[in-house]
Structure formats: C-alpha cells, structure tokens
Amino acid sequence: MDKITSLYDWFDLNRDSLIKDHMGELVLVAGNENLGYFKEQKLAAKYAKQKGLKVREFLAQYCIPREQENNMFQNVNVEFCHA
C-alpha cells in the first residue's frame, strides 16, 4: 500500500470527527495525524512545506461526507520552489 493510500484510509476511518465543524475545508494529514484545517489548497501546501513535508508524505483532503466525495474531481499539481 502506498503512503497516500494509507493516509487516505486514515482520513476515511476518522472522517466523522475530522469533518465535524470543518465542512468544506481542507484537512492536512501526515503521519496519521491532523496537522490543521485550511480554506485553500495553496495554504495547506505552504504549511506542509514549512513543516518540511515532501510530496506524497501528506494528504490535503476536503472535509466532505463520503457520499459527496464521488461527485468531486480534483486535479492538483504541486510544485515546491526553492528561493
């Protein structure tokens, strides 16, 4: 099982408590831990970078009920640039 699948499985197992009071926001998950909630993907990615996380080490997942998840498609390319 790859890391992203494992992170998603953890999110799905804890979905009800994670989405409570945060419907529609993004939750940032790494190491089977909730690192915070964000209104925008850009902010979640920036925070992950500040934490030293690399691509595929974290999951930014929308806080929505499972039945709504199949209605969404998200294509996001993340690029971390070094200044």
PDB file of N, CA and C in Angstrom:
ATOM      1  N   MET A   1       0.852  -1.181   0.000  1.00  0.00           N
ATOM      2  CA  MET A   1       0.000   0.000   0.000  1.00  0.00           C
ATOM      3  C   MET A   1       0.895   1.241   0.000  1.00  0.00           C
ATOM      4  N   ASP A   2       0.625   2.177  -0.887  1.00  0.00           N
ATOM      5  CA  ASP A   2       1.461   3.371  -0.921  1.00  0.00           C
ATOM      6  C   ASP A   2       1.051   4.351   0.182  1.00  0.00           C
ATOM      7  N   LYS A   3       1.893   5.324   0.401  1.00  0.00           N
ATOM      8  CA  LYS A   3       1.722   6.274   1.505  1.00  0.00           C
ATOM      9  C   LYS A   3       0.419   7.080   1.390  1.00  0.00           C
ATOM     10  N   ILE A   4       0.104   7.557   0.192  1.00  0.00           N
ATOM     11  CA  ILE A   4      -1.106   8.363   0.021  1.00  0.00           C
ATOM     12  C   ILE A   4      -2.348   7.531   0.325  1.00  0.00           C
ATOM     13  N   THR A   5      -2.364   6.296  -0.134  1.00  0.00           N
ATOM     14  CA  THR A   5      -3.498   5.407   0.145  1.00  0.00           C
ATOM     15  C   THR A   5      -3.639   5.193   1.644  1.00  0.00           C
ATOM     16  N   SER A   6      -2.527   5.007   2.313  1.00  0.00           N
ATOM     17  CA  SER A   6      -2.539   4.822   3.766  1.00  0.00           C
ATOM     18  C   SER A   6      -3.065   6.073   4.480  1.00  0.00           C
ATOM     19  N   LEU A   7      -2.645   7.247   4.033  1.00  0.00           N
ATOM     20  CA  LEU A   7      -3.126   8.497   4.632  1.00  0.00           C
ATOM     21  C   LEU A   7      -4.614   8.686   4.381  1.00  0.00           C
ATOM     22  N   TYR A   8      -5.059   8.368   3.161  1.00  0.00           N
ATOM     23  CA  TYR A   8      -6.484   8.486   2.860  1.00  0.00           C
ATOM     24  C   TYR A   8      -7.298   7.507   3.707  1.00  0.00           C
ATOM     25  N   ASP A   9      -6.798   6.289   3.859  1.00  0.00           N
ATOM     26  CA  ASP A   9      -7.501   5.298   4.681  1.00  0.00           C
ATOM     27  C   ASP A   9      -7.644   5.801   6.118  1.00  0.00           C
ATOM     28  N   TRP A  10      -6.602   6.448   6.638  1.00  0.00           N
ATOM     29  CA  TRP A  10      -6.677   7.002   7.996  1.00  0.00           C
ATOM     30  C   TRP A  10      -7.715   8.122   8.047  1.00  0.00           C
ATOM     31  N   PHE A  11      -7.696   9.004   7.033  1.00  0.00           N
ATOM     32  CA  PHE A  11      -8.696  10.061   6.966  1.00  0.00           C
ATOM     33  C   PHE A  11     -10.101   9.468   6.943  1.00  0.00           C
ATOM     34  N   ASP A  12     -10.313   8.478   6.086  1.00  0.00           N
ATOM     35  CA  ASP A  12     -11.640   7.889   5.935  1.00  0.00           C
ATOM     36  C   ASP A  12     -12.106   7.235   7.236  1.00  0.00           C
ATOM     37  N   LEU A  13     -11.197   6.578   7.930  1.00  0.00           N
ATOM     38  CA  LEU A  13     -11.525   5.951   9.207  1.00  0.00           C
ATOM     39  C   LEU A  13     -11.932   6.990  10.252  1.00  0.00           C
ATOM     40  N   ASN A  14     -11.326   8.170  10.185  1.00  0.00           N
ATOM     41  CA  ASN A  14     -11.569   9.240  11.163  1.00  0.00           C
ATOM     42  C   ASN A  14     -12.397  10.377  10.589  1.00  0.00           C
ATOM     43  N   ARG A  15     -13.003  10.155   9.434  1.00  0.00           N
ATOM     44  CA  ARG A  15     -13.715  11.201   8.691  1.00  0.00           C
ATOM     45  C   ARG A  15     -14.723  11.967   9.545  1.00  0.00           C
ATOM     46  N   ASP A  16     -15.577  11.270  10.263  1.00  0.00           N
ATOM     47  CA  ASP A  16     -16.639  11.947  11.010  1.00  0.00           C
ATOM     48  C   ASP A  16     -16.091  12.966  11.997  1.00  0.00           C
ATOM     49  N   SER A  17     -15.060  12.605  12.728  1.00  0.00           N
ATOM     50  CA  SER A  17     -14.507  13.552  13.703  1.00  0.00           C
ATOM     51  C   SER A  17     -13.693  14.651  13.019  1.00  0.00           C
ATOM     52  N   LEU A  18     -13.058  14.346  11.888  1.00  0.00           N
ATOM     53  CA  LEU A  18     -12.252  15.339  11.185  1.00  0.00           C
ATOM     54  C   LEU A  18     -13.103  16.398  10.501  1.00  0.00           C
ATOM     55  N   ILE A  19     -14.259  16.000   9.976  1.00  0.00           N
ATOM     56  CA  ILE A  19     -15.071  16.978   9.241  1.00  0.00           C
ATOM     57  C   ILE A  19     -16.044  17.744  10.134  1.00  0.00           C
ATOM     58  N   LYS A  20     -16.219  17.268  11.357  1.00  0.00           N
ATOM     59  CA  LYS A  20     -17.117  17.966  12.273  1.00  0.00           C
ATOM     60  C   LYS A  20     -16.639  19.411  12.440  1.00  0.00           C
ATOM     61  N   ASP A  21     -17.523  20.351  12.216  1.00  0.00           N
ATOM     62  CA  ASP A  21     -17.246  21.782  12.334  1.00  0.00           C
ATOM     63  C   ASP A  21     -16.282  22.327  11.273  1.00  0.00           C
ATOM     64  N   HIS A  22     -15.925  21.523  10.263  1.00  0.00           N
ATOM     65  CA  HIS A  22     -14.992  21.983   9.226  1.00  0.00           C
ATOM     66  C   HIS A  22     -15.453  21.592   7.829  1.00  0.00           C
ATOM     67  N   MET A  23     -16.750  21.477   7.634  1.00  0.00           N
ATOM     68  CA  MET A  23     -17.308  21.067   6.347  1.00  0.00           C
ATOM     69  C   MET A  23     -16.807  21.962   5.222  1.00  0.00           C
ATOM     70  N   GLY A  24     -16.285  21.344   4.178  1.00  0.00           N
ATOM     71  CA  GLY A  24     -15.821  22.065   3.003  1.00  0.00           C
ATOM     72  C   GLY A  24     -14.393  22.560   3.066  1.00  0.00           C
ATOM     73  N   GLU A  25     -13.787  22.537   4.237  1.00  0.00           N
ATOM     74  CA  GLU A  25     -12.391  22.947   4.373  1.00  0.00           C
ATOM     75  C   GLU A  25     -11.482  21.776   3.998  1.00  0.00           C
ATOM     76  N   LEU A  26     -10.209  22.048   3.887  1.00  0.00           N
ATOM     77  CA  LEU A  26      -9.210  21.009   3.673  1.00  0.00           C
ATOM     78  C   LEU A  26      -8.581  20.658   5.004  1.00  0.00           C
ATOM     79  N   VAL A  27      -8.412  19.368   5.253  1.00  0.00           N
ATOM     80  CA  VAL A  27      -7.664  18.931   6.415  1.00  0.00           C
ATOM     81  C   VAL A  27      -6.324  18.415   5.905  1.00  0.00           C
ATOM     82  N   LEU A  28      -5.255  18.792   6.576  1.00  0.00           N
ATOM     83  CA  LEU A  28      -3.918  18.348   6.217  1.00  0.00           C
ATOM     84  C   LEU A  28      -3.546  17.194   7.132  1.00  0.00           C
ATOM     85  N   VAL A  29      -3.249  16.048   6.525  1.00  0.00           N
ATOM     86  CA  VAL A  29      -2.948  14.828   7.267  1.00  0.00           C
ATOM     87  C   VAL A  29      -1.542  14.367   6.917  1.00  0.00           C
ATOM     88  N   ALA A  30      -0.756  14.035   7.943  1.00  0.00           N
ATOM     89  CA  ALA A  30       0.577  13.454   7.758  1.00  0.00           C
ATOM     90  C   ALA A  30       0.865  12.581   8.964  1.00  0.00           C
ATOM     91  N   GLY A  31       1.460  11.431   8.721  1.00  0.00           N
ATOM     92  CA  GLY A  31       1.811  10.545   9.829  1.00  0.00           C
ATOM     93  C   GLY A  31       0.612  10.156  10.667  1.00  0.00           C
ATOM     94  N   ASN A  32      -0.540   9.963  10.008  1.00  0.00           N
ATOM     95  CA  ASN A  32      -1.784   9.624  10.707  1.00  0.00           C
ATOM     96  C   ASN A  32      -2.112  10.625  11.809  1.00  0.00           C
ATOM     97  N   GLU A  33      -1.953  11.883  11.461  1.00  0.00           N
ATOM     98  CA  GLU A  33      -2.229  12.978  12.395  1.00  0.00           C
ATOM     99  C   GLU A  33      -2.831  14.143  11.623  1.00  0.00           C
ATOM    100  N   ASN A  34      -3.763  14.832  12.235  1.00  0.00           N
ATOM    101  CA  ASN A  34      -4.365  16.038  11.677  1.00  0.00           C
ATOM    102  C   ASN A  34      -3.441  17.207  11.987  1.00  0.00           C
ATOM    103  N   LEU A  35      -2.902  17.831  10.936  1.00  0.00           N
ATOM    104  CA  LEU A  35      -1.998  18.969  11.131  1.00  0.00           C
ATOM    105  C   LEU A  35      -2.709  20.311  11.067  1.00  0.00           C
ATOM    106  N   GLY A  36      -3.986  20.304  10.694  1.00  0.00           N
ATOM    107  CA  GLY A  36      -4.724  21.554  10.665  1.00  0.00           C
ATOM    108  C   GLY A  36      -5.721  21.609   9.524  1.00  0.00           C
ATOM    109  N   TYR A  37      -6.521  22.666   9.559  1.00  0.00           N
ATOM    110  CA  TYR A  37      -7.566  22.894   8.561  1.00  0.00           C
ATOM    111  C   TYR A  37      -7.241  24.163   7.788  1.00  0.00           C
ATOM    112  N   PHE A  38      -7.579  24.157   6.499  1.00  0.00           N
ATOM    113  CA  PHE A  38      -7.240  25.267   5.622  1.00  0.00           C
ATOM    114  C   PHE A  38      -8.388  25.558   4.676  1.00  0.00           C
ATOM    115  N   LYS A  39      -8.539  26.815   4.324  1.00  0.00           N
ATOM    116  CA  LYS A  39      -9.596  27.241   3.397  1.00  0.00           C
ATOM    117  C   LYS A  39      -9.172  27.066   1.940  1.00  0.00           C
ATOM    118  N   GLU A  40      -7.860  27.063   1.670  1.00  0.00           N
ATOM    119  CA  GLU A  40      -7.344  26.985   0.303  1.00  0.00           C
ATOM    120  C   GLU A  40      -6.230  25.945   0.197  1.00  0.00           C
ATOM    121  N   GLN A  41      -6.145  25.310  -0.969  1.00  0.00           N
ATOM    122  CA  GLN A  41      -5.096  24.318  -1.217  1.00  0.00           C
ATOM    123  C   GLN A  41      -3.712  24.935  -1.105  1.00  0.00           C
ATOM    124  N   LYS A  42      -3.597  26.167  -1.610  1.00  0.00           N
ATOM    125  CA  LYS A  42      -2.313  26.855  -1.587  1.00  0.00           C
ATOM    126  C   LYS A  42      -1.801  27.008  -0.153  1.00  0.00           C
ATOM    127  N   LEU A  43      -2.698  27.326   0.774  1.00  0.00           N
ATOM    128  CA  LEU A  43      -2.304  27.496   2.175  1.00  0.00           C
ATOM    129  C   LEU A  43      -1.906  26.167   2.814  1.00  0.00           C
ATOM    130  N   ALA A  44      -2.620  25.107   2.476  1.00  0.00           N
ATOM    131  CA  ALA A  44      -2.288  23.773   3.000  1.00  0.00           C
ATOM    132  C   ALA A  44      -0.915  23.340   2.494  1.00  0.00           C
ATOM    133  N   ALA A  45      -0.654  23.545   1.203  1.00  0.00           N
ATOM    134  CA  ALA A  45       0.639  23.172   0.622  1.00  0.00           C
ATOM    135  C   ALA A  45       1.778  23.991   1.231  1.00  0.00           C
ATOM    136  N   LYS A  46       1.537  25.277   1.442  1.00  0.00           N
ATOM    137  CA  LYS A  46       2.553  26.143   2.053  1.00  0.00           C
ATOM    138  C   LYS A  46       2.882  25.673   3.472  1.00  0.00           C
ATOM    139  N   TYR A  47       1.858  25.323   4.233  1.00  0.00           N
ATOM    140  CA  TYR A  47       2.069  24.848   5.602  1.00  0.00           C
ATOM    141  C   TYR A  47       2.840  23.520   5.591  1.00  0.00           C
ATOM    142  N   ALA A  48       2.491  22.618   4.672  1.00  0.00           N
ATOM    143  CA  ALA A  48       3.201  21.338   4.560  1.00  0.00           C
ATOM    144  C   ALA A  48       4.679  21.580   4.264  1.00  0.00           C
ATOM    145  N   LYS A  49       4.955  22.521   3.390  1.00  0.00           N
ATOM    146  CA  LYS A  49       6.343  22.846   3.062  1.00  0.00           C
ATOM    147  C   LYS A  49       7.070  23.394   4.291  1.00  0.00           C
ATOM    148  N   GLN A  50       6.399  24.280   5.046  1.00  0.00           N
ATOM    149  CA  GLN A  50       7.006  24.833   6.262  1.00  0.00           C
ATOM    150  C   GLN A  50       7.332  23.730   7.264  1.00  0.00           C
ATOM    151  N   LYS A  51       6.509  22.685   7.279  1.00  0.00           N
ATOM    152  CA  LYS A  51       6.728  21.555   8.194  1.00  0.00           C
ATOM    153  C   LYS A  51       7.798  20.600   7.677  1.00  0.00           C
ATOM    154  N   GLY A  52       8.318  20.864   6.484  1.00  0.00           N
ATOM    155  CA  GLY A  52       9.361  20.019   5.912  1.00  0.00           C
ATOM    156  C   GLY A  52       8.842  18.755   5.246  1.00  0.00           C
ATOM    157  N   LEU A  53       7.544  18.727   4.960  1.00  0.00           N
ATOM    158  CA  LEU A  53       6.956  17.552   4.315  1.00  0.00           C
ATOM    159  C   LEU A  53       7.175  17.607   2.811  1.00  0.00           C
ATOM    160  N   LYS A  54       7.431  16.454   2.239  1.00  0.00           N
ATOM    161  CA  LYS A  54       7.611  16.344   0.799  1.00  0.00           C
ATOM    162  C   LYS A  54       6.337  15.795   0.173  1.00  0.00           C
ATOM    163  N   VAL A  55       6.209  15.976  -1.137  1.00  0.00           N
ATOM    164  CA  VAL A  55       5.077  15.435  -1.868  1.00  0.00           C
ATOM    165  C   VAL A  55       4.986  13.939  -1.586  1.00  0.00           C
ATOM    166  N   ARG A  56       3.780  13.438  -1.387  1.00  0.00           N
ATOM    167  CA  ARG A  56       3.446  12.051  -1.068  1.00  0.00           C
ATOM    168  C   ARG A  56       3.676  11.714   0.411  1.00  0.00           C
ATOM    169  N   GLU A  57       4.076  12.696   1.214  1.00  0.00           N
ATOM    170  CA  GLU A  57       4.193  12.493   2.657  1.00  0.00           C
ATOM    171  C   GLU A  57       3.006  13.090   3.399  1.00  0.00           C
ATOM    172  N   PHE A  58       2.109  13.768   2.666  1.00  0.00           N
ATOM    173  CA  PHE A  58       0.952  14.382   3.293  1.00  0.00           C
ATOM    174  C   PHE A  58      -0.241  14.292   2.353  1.00  0.00           C
ATOM    175  N   LEU A  59      -1.409  14.479   2.932  1.00  0.00           N
ATOM    176  CA  LEU A  59      -2.656  14.476   2.185  1.00  0.00           C
ATOM    177  C   LEU A  59      -3.454  15.698   2.591  1.00  0.00           C
ATOM    178  N   ALA A  60      -3.898  16.479   1.623  1.00  0.00           N
ATOM    179  CA  ALA A  60      -4.819  17.593   1.870  1.00  0.00           C
ATOM    180  C   ALA A  60      -6.165  17.143   1.312  1.00  0.00           C
ATOM    181  N   GLN A  61      -7.081  16.823   2.196  1.00  0.00           N
ATOM    182  CA  GLN A  61      -8.357  16.211   1.811  1.00  0.00           C
ATOM    183  C   GLN A  61      -9.514  17.115   2.197  1.00  0.00           C
ATOM    184  N   TYR A  62     -10.466  17.270   1.265  1.00  0.00           N
ATOM    185  CA  TYR A  62     -11.654  18.062   1.577  1.00  0.00           C
ATOM    186  C   TYR A  62     -12.503  17.372   2.642  1.00  0.00           C
ATOM    187  N   CYS A  63     -12.997  18.142   3.563  1.00  0.00           N
ATOM    188  CA  CYS A  63     -13.867  17.655   4.630  1.00  0.00           C
ATOM    189  C   CYS A  63     -15.300  17.626   4.109  1.00  0.00           C
ATOM    190  N   ILE A  64     -15.640  16.523   3.505  1.00  0.00           N
ATOM    191  CA  ILE A  64     -16.984  16.313   2.976  1.00  0.00           C
ATOM    192  C   ILE A  64     -17.410  14.890   3.298  1.00  0.00           C
ATOM    193  N   PRO A  65     -18.711  14.657   3.398  1.00  0.00           N
ATOM    194  CA  PRO A  65     -19.196  13.304   3.635  1.00  0.00           C
ATOM    195  C   PRO A  65     -18.829  12.392   2.463  1.00  0.00           C
ATOM    196  N   ARG A  66     -18.701  11.131   2.748  1.00  0.00           N
ATOM    197  CA  ARG A  66     -18.299  10.151   1.738  1.00  0.00           C
ATOM    198  C   ARG A  66     -19.214  10.187   0.515  1.00  0.00           C
ATOM    199  N   GLU A  67     -20.513  10.329   0.719  1.00  0.00           N
ATOM    200  CA  GLU A  67     -21.444  10.290  -0.409  1.00  0.00           C
ATOM    201  C   GLU A  67     -21.252  11.482  -1.357  1.00  0.00           C
ATOM    202  N   GLN A  68     -20.672  12.562  -0.896  1.00  0.00           N
ATOM    203  CA  GLN A  68     -20.395  13.718  -1.759  1.00  0.00           C
ATOM    204  C   GLN A  68     -19.048  13.592  -2.463  1.00  0.00           C
ATOM    205  N   GLU A  69     -18.180  12.755  -1.935  1.00  0.00           N
ATOM    206  CA  GLU A  69     -16.824  12.631  -2.461  1.00  0.00           C
ATOM    207  C   GLU A  69     -16.804  12.137  -3.905  1.00  0.00           C
ATOM    208  N   ASN A  70     -17.684  11.236  -4.263  1.00  0.00           N
ATOM    209  CA  ASN A  70     -17.703  10.701  -5.610  1.00  0.00           C
ATOM    210  C   ASN A  70     -18.123  11.736  -6.639  1.00  0.00           C
ATOM    211  N   ASN A  71     -18.683  12.838  -6.203  1.00  0.00           N
ATOM    212  CA  ASN A  71     -19.123  13.882  -7.111  1.00  0.00           C
ATOM    213  C   ASN A  71     -18.047  14.917  -7.392  1.00  0.00           C
ATOM    214  N   MET A  72     -16.877  14.777  -6.757  1.00  0.00           N
ATOM    215  CA  MET A  72     -15.813  15.757  -6.929  1.00  0.00           C
ATOM    216  C   MET A  72     -14.644  15.137  -7.673  1.00  0.00           C
ATOM    217  N   PHE A  73     -14.025  15.917  -8.516  1.00  0.00           N
ATOM    218  CA  PHE A  73     -12.778  15.523  -9.146  1.00  0.00           C
ATOM    219  C   PHE A  73     -11.808  16.666  -8.965  1.00  0.00           C
ATOM    220  N   GLN A  74     -10.647  16.358  -8.485  1.00  0.00           N
ATOM    221  CA  GLN A  74      -9.658  17.391  -8.216  1.00  0.00           C
ATOM    222  C   GLN A  74      -8.362  17.009  -8.888  1.00  0.00           C
ATOM    223  N   ASN A  75      -7.801  17.895  -9.656  1.00  0.00           N
ATOM    224  CA  ASN A  75      -6.516  17.671 -10.284  1.00  0.00           C
ATOM    225  C   ASN A  75      -5.616  18.800  -9.833  1.00  0.00           C
ATOM    226  N   VAL A  76      -4.645  18.447  -8.998  1.00  0.00           N
ATOM    227  CA  VAL A  76      -3.785  19.473  -8.427  1.00  0.00           C
ATOM    228  C   VAL A  76      -2.338  19.090  -8.696  1.00  0.00           C
ATOM    229  N   ASN A  77      -1.603  20.032  -9.233  1.00  0.00           N
ATOM    230  CA  ASN A  77      -0.164  19.863  -9.382  1.00  0.00           C
ATOM    231  C   ASN A  77       0.502  20.749  -8.352  1.00  0.00           C
ATOM    232  N   VAL A  78       1.363  20.150  -7.560  1.00  0.00           N
ATOM    233  CA  VAL A  78       2.051  20.893  -6.515  1.00  0.00           C
ATOM    234  C   VAL A  78       3.526  20.963  -6.872  1.00  0.00           C
ATOM    235  N   GLU A  79       4.070  22.148  -6.807  1.00  0.00           N
ATOM    236  CA  GLU A  79       5.488  22.313  -7.074  1.00  0.00           C
ATOM    237  C   GLU A  79       6.070  23.164  -5.961  1.00  0.00           C
ATOM    238  N   PHE A  80       7.103  22.636  -5.317  1.00  0.00           N
ATOM    239  CA  PHE A  80       7.786  23.391  -4.281  1.00  0.00           C
ATOM    240  C   PHE A  80       9.025  24.014  -4.913  1.00  0.00           C
ATOM    241  N   CYS A  81       9.107  25.302  -4.844  1.00  0.00           N
ATOM    242  CA  CYS A  81      10.242  26.021  -5.427  1.00  0.00           C
ATOM    243  C   CYS A  81      11.133  26.511  -4.301  1.00  0.00           C
ATOM    244  N   HIS A  82      12.405  26.451  -4.548  1.00  0.00           N
ATOM    245  CA  HIS A  82      13.364  26.974  -3.574  1.00  0.00           C
ATOM    246  C   HIS A  82      13.791  28.355  -4.030  1.00  0.00           C
ATOM    247  N   ALA A  83      13.684  29.302  -3.139  1.00  0.00           N
ATOM    248  CA  ALA A  83      14.044  30.686  -3.489  1.00  0.00           C
ATOM    249  C   ALA A  83      15.511  30.933  -3.202  1.00  0.00           C
TER     250      ALA A  83
END
